[in-house]
Amino acid sequence: MTTLSPTVSMADKVALIDSLCAKARILPVITIAREQDVLPLADALAAGGLTALEVTLRSQFGLKAIQILREQRPELMTGAGTVLDRNMLAAAEAAGSQFIVTPGITRDLLEASVDSPIPLLPGISNASGIMEGYGLGYRRFKLFPAEVSGGVAAIKALGGPFGEVKFCPTGGVSPANIKSYMALKNVMCVGGSWMLDPEWIKNGDWARIQECTAEALALLD
């Protein structure tokens, strides 16, 4: 496992996020309910074209899933989502996370991540949240929940005062609106879970997940 130097600058971490999002285009938001689903689910997503995975810490299996993927699927880019405080940040780092995503921000978490070698994509829902992170060097944010927070119109408006900022809208993104989001110059990728129907995962319908994933990416071609 490659460990980033603790001297990684904020500019370097912005570049890492840009590279990740350019490759991903769609960042699947994954919540693991059973440990045995980790590898077949990741393989189905990868076969469909998604090789950057956000594994949320919403379940007891989140950290273990990240460890498994880093050890057994090192070719994938695996990060931790739903990171809420510096303790969860430290646990995600220890599990091998290559990037961190949060649903919102606190000053404490933003400051803790400045000192981390792993890039953070902080969640915001308005201009004030952007300004909080901006002052610490953050230039890439997750807009969450995107549709509730104004969607495409909000991102267009935020592009005025925040010309350096780019977004990964998540929450309400779907096949019906993904092209509208990705057409914006200040959107670098989107997050979504529509290709991860819980029934498909429960039934082990990996082929269906692969097909839905491929169809989602085909919308962007």
C-alpha atoms as a PDB file:
ATOM      1  CA  MET A   1       0.000   0.000   0.000  1.00  0.00           C
ATOM      2  CA  THR A   2       1.373   3.390  -0.992  1.00  0.00           C
ATOM      3  CA  THR A   3       1.434   5.943   1.801  1.00  0.00           C
ATOM      4  CA  LEU A   4       1.427   9.613   0.896  1.00  0.00           C
ATOM      5  CA  SER A   5       3.948  11.877   2.532  1.00  0.00           C
ATOM      6  CA  PRO A   6       2.559  13.895   5.438  1.00  0.00           C
ATOM      7  CA  THR A   7       3.995  16.989   3.720  1.00  0.00           C
ATOM      8  CA  VAL A   8       1.476  16.828   0.861  1.00  0.00           C
ATOM      9  CA  SER A   9       0.293  20.401   0.236  1.00  0.00           C
ATOM     10  CA  MET A  10      -3.295  21.534  -0.195  1.00  0.00           C
ATOM     11  CA  ALA A  11      -2.506  22.284  -3.844  1.00  0.00           C
ATOM     12  CA  ASP A  12      -1.249  18.739  -4.285  1.00  0.00           C
ATOM     13  CA  LYS A  13      -4.394  17.370  -2.666  1.00  0.00           C
ATOM     14  CA  VAL A  14      -6.584  19.482  -4.946  1.00  0.00           C
ATOM     15  CA  ALA A  15      -4.679  17.994  -7.894  1.00  0.00           C
ATOM     16  CA  LEU A  16      -5.272  14.493  -6.518  1.00  0.00           C
ATOM     17  CA  ILE A  17      -9.010  15.130  -6.269  1.00  0.00           C
ATOM     18  CA  ASP A  18      -9.049  16.516  -9.811  1.00  0.00           C
ATOM     19  CA  SER A  19      -7.290  13.414 -11.097  1.00  0.00           C
ATOM     20  CA  LEU A  20      -9.658  11.130  -9.189  1.00  0.00           C
ATOM     21  CA  CYS A  21     -12.780  12.878 -10.444  1.00  0.00           C
ATOM     22  CA  ALA A  22     -11.568  13.075 -14.037  1.00  0.00           C
ATOM     23  CA  LYS A  23     -11.089   9.332 -13.989  1.00  0.00           C
ATOM     24  CA  ALA A  24     -14.261   8.535 -12.069  1.00  0.00           C
ATOM     25  CA  ARG A  25     -16.856  10.914 -13.591  1.00  0.00           C
ATOM     26  CA  ILE A  26     -19.383   9.093 -11.390  1.00  0.00           C
ATOM     27  CA  LEU A  27     -18.439   8.331  -7.793  1.00  0.00           C
ATOM     28  CA  PRO A  28     -20.652   5.502  -6.488  1.00  0.00           C
ATOM     29  CA  VAL A  29     -21.744   6.025  -2.893  1.00  0.00           C
ATOM     30  CA  ILE A  30     -21.607   2.573  -1.327  1.00  0.00           C
ATOM     31  CA  THR A  31     -23.025   1.379   1.996  1.00  0.00           C
ATOM     32  CA  ILE A  32     -22.079  -2.195   2.851  1.00  0.00           C
ATOM     33  CA  ALA A  33     -24.676  -4.244   4.720  1.00  0.00           C
ATOM     34  CA  ARG A  34     -22.818  -7.578   4.545  1.00  0.00           C
ATOM     35  CA  GLU A  35     -19.096  -8.201   4.421  1.00  0.00           C
ATOM     36  CA  GLN A  36     -19.488 -10.897   1.768  1.00  0.00           C
ATOM     37  CA  ASP A  37     -20.854  -8.309  -0.656  1.00  0.00           C
ATOM     38  CA  VAL A  38     -17.698  -6.185  -0.699  1.00  0.00           C
ATOM     39  CA  LEU A  39     -15.674  -7.852  -3.440  1.00  0.00           C
ATOM     40  CA  PRO A  40     -18.451  -8.927  -5.820  1.00  0.00           C
ATOM     41  CA  LEU A  41     -20.029  -5.475  -5.601  1.00  0.00           C
ATOM     42  CA  ALA A  42     -16.726  -3.746  -6.293  1.00  0.00           C
ATOM     43  CA  ASP A  43     -16.039  -6.126  -9.162  1.00  0.00           C
ATOM     44  CA  ALA A  44     -19.454  -5.446 -10.705  1.00  0.00           C
ATOM     45  CA  LEU A  45     -18.899  -1.683 -10.500  1.00  0.00           C
ATOM     46  CA  ALA A  46     -15.406  -1.986 -11.949  1.00  0.00           C
ATOM     47  CA  ALA A  47     -16.647  -4.196 -14.781  1.00  0.00           C
ATOM     48  CA  GLY A  48     -19.219  -1.506 -15.564  1.00  0.00           C
ATOM     49  CA  GLY A  49     -16.498   1.140 -15.645  1.00  0.00           C
ATOM     50  CA  LEU A  50     -16.457   2.626 -12.127  1.00  0.00           C
ATOM     51  CA  THR A  51     -13.075   2.107 -10.487  1.00  0.00           C
ATOM     52  CA  ALA A  52     -13.175   4.896  -7.872  1.00  0.00           C
ATOM     53  CA  LEU A  53     -15.384   3.909  -4.951  1.00  0.00           C
ATOM     54  CA  GLU A  54     -16.686   5.891  -1.988  1.00  0.00           C
ATOM     55  CA  VAL A  55     -17.403   3.434   0.819  1.00  0.00           C
ATOM     56  CA  THR A  56     -19.477   5.144   3.470  1.00  0.00           C
ATOM     57  CA  LEU A  57     -18.967   4.660   7.189  1.00  0.00           C
ATOM     58  CA  ARG A  58     -22.722   4.481   7.731  1.00  0.00           C
ATOM     59  CA  SER A  59     -22.521   0.778   8.566  1.00  0.00           C
ATOM     60  CA  GLN A  60     -20.354  -1.340  10.823  1.00  0.00           C
ATOM     61  CA  PHE A  61     -18.714  -2.853   7.751  1.00  0.00           C
ATOM     62  CA  GLY A  62     -17.436   0.380   6.203  1.00  0.00           C
ATOM     63  CA  LEU A  63     -13.890   0.363   7.568  1.00  0.00           C
ATOM     64  CA  LYS A  64     -13.500  -3.367   7.034  1.00  0.00           C
ATOM     65  CA  ALA A  65     -14.705  -2.988   3.445  1.00  0.00           C
ATOM     66  CA  ILE A  66     -12.060  -0.343   2.807  1.00  0.00           C
ATOM     67  CA  GLN A  67      -9.368  -2.603   4.245  1.00  0.00           C
ATOM     68  CA  ILE A  68     -10.503  -5.519   2.090  1.00  0.00           C
ATOM     69  CA  LEU A  69     -10.563  -3.445  -1.072  1.00  0.00           C
ATOM     70  CA  ARG A  70      -7.159  -1.885  -0.443  1.00  0.00           C
ATOM     71  CA  GLU A  71      -5.659  -5.309   0.180  1.00  0.00           C
ATOM     72  CA  GLN A  72      -7.456  -7.366  -2.453  1.00  0.00           C
ATOM     73  CA  ARG A  73      -8.381  -4.800  -5.127  1.00  0.00           C
ATOM     74  CA  PRO A  74      -5.418  -2.379  -5.037  1.00  0.00           C
ATOM     75  CA  GLU A  75      -6.089  -1.330  -8.631  1.00  0.00           C
ATOM     76  CA  LEU A  76      -9.262   0.413  -7.469  1.00  0.00           C
ATOM     77  CA  MET A  77      -9.278   3.887  -5.879  1.00  0.00           C
ATOM     78  CA  THR A  78     -11.046   3.433  -2.548  1.00  0.00           C
ATOM     79  CA  GLY A  79     -12.117   6.238  -0.248  1.00  0.00           C
ATOM     80  CA  ALA A  80     -14.233   6.716   2.855  1.00  0.00           C
ATOM     81  CA  GLY A  81     -17.503   8.631   2.901  1.00  0.00           C
ATOM     82  CA  THR A  82     -19.745   9.892   5.704  1.00  0.00           C
ATOM     83  CA  VAL A  83     -16.717  10.889   7.760  1.00  0.00           C
ATOM     84  CA  LEU A  84     -18.106  13.082  10.551  1.00  0.00           C
ATOM     85  CA  ASP A  85     -15.226  13.958  12.881  1.00  0.00           C
ATOM     86  CA  ARG A  86     -11.462  13.695  13.338  1.00  0.00           C
ATOM     87  CA  ASN A  87     -11.727  10.294  15.020  1.00  0.00           C
ATOM     88  CA  MET A  88     -13.503   8.865  11.983  1.00  0.00           C
ATOM     89  CA  LEU A  89     -10.930  10.591   9.779  1.00  0.00           C
ATOM     90  CA  ALA A  90      -8.115   8.866  11.650  1.00  0.00           C
ATOM     91  CA  ALA A  91      -9.888   5.502  11.443  1.00  0.00           C
ATOM     92  CA  ALA A  92     -10.442   5.926   7.712  1.00  0.00           C
ATOM     93  CA  GLU A  93      -6.774   6.768   7.221  1.00  0.00           C
ATOM     94  CA  ALA A  94      -5.738   3.703   9.227  1.00  0.00           C
ATOM     95  CA  ALA A  95      -8.009   1.522   7.073  1.00  0.00           C
ATOM     96  CA  GLY A  96      -6.142   2.674   3.974  1.00  0.00           C
ATOM     97  CA  SER A  97      -8.544   5.224   2.519  1.00  0.00           C
ATOM     98  CA  GLN A  98      -7.111   7.095  -0.451  1.00  0.00           C
ATOM     99  CA  PHE A  99      -9.555   9.968  -0.182  1.00  0.00           C
ATOM    100  CA  ILE A 100     -12.144  11.228   2.299  1.00  0.00           C
ATOM    101  CA  VAL A 101     -15.660  12.570   1.671  1.00  0.00           C
ATOM    102  CA  THR A 102     -17.866  14.276   4.254  1.00  0.00           C
ATOM    103  CA  PRO A 103     -21.579  15.192   4.188  1.00  0.00           C
ATOM    104  CA  GLY A 104     -20.895  18.549   5.846  1.00  0.00           C
ATOM    105  CA  ILE A 105     -18.149  20.478   7.578  1.00  0.00           C
ATOM    106  CA  THR A 106     -16.921  21.465  10.996  1.00  0.00           C
ATOM    107  CA  ARG A 107     -13.930  23.673  11.608  1.00  0.00           C
ATOM    108  CA  ASP A 108     -12.287  20.900  13.613  1.00  0.00           C
ATOM    109  CA  LEU A 109     -12.609  18.362  10.815  1.00  0.00           C
ATOM    110  CA  LEU A 110     -11.400  20.800   8.159  1.00  0.00           C
ATOM    111  CA  GLU A 111      -8.336  21.656  10.257  1.00  0.00           C
ATOM    112  CA  ALA A 112      -7.608  17.996  10.995  1.00  0.00           C
ATOM    113  CA  SER A 113      -7.687  17.222   7.299  1.00  0.00           C
ATOM    114  CA  VAL A 114      -5.313  20.065   6.427  1.00  0.00           C
ATOM    115  CA  ASP A 115      -2.670  18.116   8.364  1.00  0.00           C
ATOM    116  CA  SER A 116      -3.630  14.803   6.739  1.00  0.00           C
ATOM    117  CA  PRO A 117      -1.807  13.463   3.668  1.00  0.00           C
ATOM    118  CA  ILE A 118      -5.126  12.238   2.267  1.00  0.00           C
ATOM    119  CA  PRO A 119      -7.293  14.590   0.183  1.00  0.00           C
ATOM    120  CA  LEU A 120     -10.645  15.617   1.622  1.00  0.00           C
ATOM    121  CA  LEU A 121     -13.758  16.477  -0.373  1.00  0.00           C
ATOM    122  CA  PRO A 122     -15.827  18.436   2.171  1.00  0.00           C
ATOM    123  CA  GLY A 123     -19.603  18.529   1.909  1.00  0.00           C
ATOM    124  CA  ILE A 124     -21.250  21.937   1.724  1.00  0.00           C
ATOM    125  CA  SER A 125     -24.745  23.195   0.887  1.00  0.00           C
ATOM    126  CA  ASN A 126     -24.220  26.951   0.566  1.00  0.00           C
ATOM    127  CA  ALA A 127     -21.747  29.796   0.054  1.00  0.00           C
ATOM    128  CA  SER A 128     -20.933  30.060   3.764  1.00  0.00           C
ATOM    129  CA  GLY A 129     -19.708  26.477   3.810  1.00  0.00           C
ATOM    130  CA  ILE A 130     -17.471  27.146   0.824  1.00  0.00           C
ATOM    131  CA  MET A 131     -15.994  30.208   2.520  1.00  0.00           C
ATOM    132  CA  GLU A 132     -15.232  28.230   5.682  1.00  0.00           C
ATOM    133  CA  GLY A 133     -13.205  25.730   3.681  1.00  0.00           C
ATOM    134  CA  TYR A 134     -11.797  28.282   1.247  1.00  0.00           C
ATOM    135  CA  GLY A 135      -9.956  30.087   4.006  1.00  0.00           C
ATOM    136  CA  LEU A 136      -8.058  26.876   4.786  1.00  0.00           C
ATOM    137  CA  GLY A 137      -7.131  26.207   1.175  1.00  0.00           C
ATOM    138  CA  TYR A 138      -9.968  23.946   0.049  1.00  0.00           C
ATOM    139  CA  ARG A 139     -11.051  24.439  -3.557  1.00  0.00           C
ATOM    140  CA  ARG A 140     -13.017  21.261  -4.237  1.00  0.00           C
ATOM    141  CA  PHE A 141     -16.327  20.510  -2.513  1.00  0.00           C
ATOM    142  CA  LYS A 142     -19.203  18.081  -2.538  1.00  0.00           C
ATOM    143  CA  LEU A 143     -22.542  19.854  -2.910  1.00  0.00           C
ATOM    144  CA  PHE A 144     -24.883  17.867  -0.683  1.00  0.00           C
ATOM    145  CA  PRO A 145     -27.753  17.282  -0.854  1.00  0.00           C
ATOM    146  CA  ALA A 146     -27.408  18.631  -4.369  1.00  0.00           C
ATOM    147  CA  GLU A 147     -30.993  18.737  -5.583  1.00  0.00           C
ATOM    148  CA  VAL A 148     -32.368  20.036  -2.284  1.00  0.00           C
ATOM    149  CA  SER A 149     -29.624  22.681  -2.204  1.00  0.00           C
ATOM    150  CA  GLY A 150     -30.552  24.142  -5.567  1.00  0.00           C
ATOM    151  CA  GLY A 151     -29.030  21.681  -7.998  1.00  0.00           C
ATOM    152  CA  VAL A 152     -27.773  22.907 -11.354  1.00  0.00           C
ATOM    153  CA  ALA A 153     -28.993  26.462 -10.756  1.00  0.00           C
ATOM    154  CA  ALA A 154     -27.126  26.687  -7.438  1.00  0.00           C
ATOM    155  CA  ILE A 155     -23.867  25.462  -8.943  1.00  0.00           C
ATOM    156  CA  LYS A 156     -24.159  27.988 -11.780  1.00  0.00           C
ATOM    157  CA  ALA A 157     -24.744  30.790  -9.275  1.00  0.00           C
ATOM    158  CA  LEU A 158     -21.882  29.725  -7.000  1.00  0.00           C
ATOM    159  CA  GLY A 159     -19.533  29.798  -9.959  1.00  0.00           C
ATOM    160  CA  GLY A 160     -19.721  33.609  -9.925  1.00  0.00           C
ATOM    161  CA  PRO A 161     -18.068  34.441  -6.595  1.00  0.00           C
ATOM    162  CA  PHE A 162     -16.065  31.203  -6.438  1.00  0.00           C
ATOM    163  CA  GLY A 163     -14.306  30.984  -9.769  1.00  0.00           C
ATOM    164  CA  GLU A 164     -11.600  28.591  -8.522  1.00  0.00           C
ATOM    165  CA  VAL A 165     -14.055  26.173  -6.917  1.00  0.00           C
ATOM    166  CA  LYS A 166     -15.337  22.964  -8.467  1.00  0.00           C
ATOM    167  CA  PHE A 167     -18.023  20.620  -7.208  1.00  0.00           C
ATOM    168  CA  CYS A 168     -19.059  16.998  -6.975  1.00  0.00           C
ATOM    169  CA  PRO A 169     -22.858  17.218  -6.615  1.00  0.00           C
ATOM    170  CA  THR A 170     -24.322  14.294  -4.675  1.00  0.00           C
ATOM    171  CA  GLY A 171     -27.849  13.651  -3.461  1.00  0.00           C
ATOM    172  CA  GLY A 172     -30.637  13.488  -5.998  1.00  0.00           C
ATOM    173  CA  VAL A 173     -28.356  12.965  -8.985  1.00  0.00           C
ATOM    174  CA  SER A 174     -29.907  10.441 -11.365  1.00  0.00           C
ATOM    175  CA  PRO A 175     -29.894   9.353 -15.016  1.00  0.00           C
ATOM    176  CA  ALA A 176     -32.518  12.057 -15.617  1.00  0.00           C
ATOM    177  CA  ASN A 177     -30.272  14.963 -14.614  1.00  0.00           C
ATOM    178  CA  ILE A 178     -26.679  13.719 -14.720  1.00  0.00           C
ATOM    179  CA  LYS A 179     -25.946  15.260 -18.117  1.00  0.00           C
ATOM    180  CA  SER A 180     -27.171  18.661 -16.919  1.00  0.00           C
ATOM    181  CA  TYR A 181     -24.770  18.533 -13.988  1.00  0.00           C
ATOM    182  CA  MET A 182     -21.806  17.286 -15.975  1.00  0.00           C
ATOM    183  CA  ALA A 183     -22.312  19.997 -18.596  1.00  0.00           C
ATOM    184  CA  LEU A 184     -21.350  22.653 -16.022  1.00  0.00           C
ATOM    185  CA  LYS A 185     -17.740  23.823 -16.187  1.00  0.00           C
ATOM    186  CA  ASN A 186     -17.445  23.867 -12.393  1.00  0.00           C
ATOM    187  CA  VAL A 187     -18.624  20.266 -11.948  1.00  0.00           C
ATOM    188  CA  MET A 188     -15.793  17.725 -11.948  1.00  0.00           C
ATOM    189  CA  CYS A 189     -17.828  14.565 -11.267  1.00  0.00           C
ATOM    190  CA  VAL A 190     -21.065  13.493  -9.592  1.00  0.00           C
ATOM    191  CA  GLY A 191     -21.852  11.133  -6.749  1.00  0.00           C
ATOM    192  CA  GLY A 192     -24.735   8.709  -6.861  1.00  0.00           C
ATOM    193  CA  SER A 193     -26.170   5.409  -5.738  1.00  0.00           C
ATOM    194  CA  TRP A 194     -28.906   4.621  -8.262  1.00  0.00           C
ATOM    195  CA  MET A 195     -26.786   1.771  -9.679  1.00  0.00           C
ATOM    196  CA  LEU A 196     -26.685   0.231  -6.186  1.00  0.00           C
ATOM    197  CA  ASP A 197     -30.281  -0.837  -5.638  1.00  0.00           C
ATOM    198  CA  PRO A 198     -30.360  -2.578  -2.219  1.00  0.00           C
ATOM    199  CA  GLU A 199     -32.473  -5.424  -3.616  1.00  0.00           C
ATOM    200  CA  TRP A 200     -29.932  -6.097  -6.355  1.00  0.00           C
ATOM    201  CA  ILE A 201     -27.174  -6.254  -3.772  1.00  0.00           C
ATOM    202  CA  LYS A 202     -29.233  -8.398  -1.397  1.00  0.00           C
ATOM    203  CA  ASN A 203     -29.996 -10.867  -4.201  1.00  0.00           C
ATOM    204  CA  GLY A 204     -26.470 -10.856  -5.569  1.00  0.00           C
ATOM    205  CA  ASP A 205     -27.618  -9.501  -8.919  1.00  0.00           C
ATOM    206  CA  TRP A 206     -24.135  -8.328  -9.833  1.00  0.00           C
ATOM    207  CA  ALA A 207     -24.841  -8.460 -13.573  1.00  0.00           C
ATOM    208  CA  ARG A 208     -27.681  -5.967 -13.117  1.00  0.00           C
ATOM    209  CA  ILE A 209     -25.391  -3.610 -11.198  1.00  0.00           C
ATOM    210  CA  GLN A 210     -22.715  -3.899 -13.887  1.00  0.00           C
ATOM    211  CA  GLU A 211     -25.267  -3.168 -16.596  1.00  0.00           C
ATOM    212  CA  CYS A 212     -26.720  -0.157 -14.776  1.00  0.00           C
ATOM    213  CA  THR A 213     -23.227   1.177 -14.153  1.00  0.00           C
ATOM    214  CA  ALA A 214     -22.273   0.896 -17.813  1.00  0.00           C
ATOM    215  CA  GLU A 215     -25.532   2.568 -18.835  1.00  0.00           C
ATOM    216  CA  ALA A 216     -24.855   5.463 -16.448  1.00  0.00           C
ATOM    217  CA  LEU A 217     -21.408   6.098 -17.911  1.00  0.00           C
ATOM    218  CA  ALA A 218     -22.765   5.779 -21.447  1.00  0.00           C
ATOM    219  CA  LEU A 219     -24.966   8.802 -20.748  1.00  0.00           C
ATOM    220  CA  LEU A 220     -21.798  10.897 -20.503  1.00  0.00           C
ATOM    221  CA  ASP A 221     -20.280   9.800 -23.816  1.00  0.00           C
END
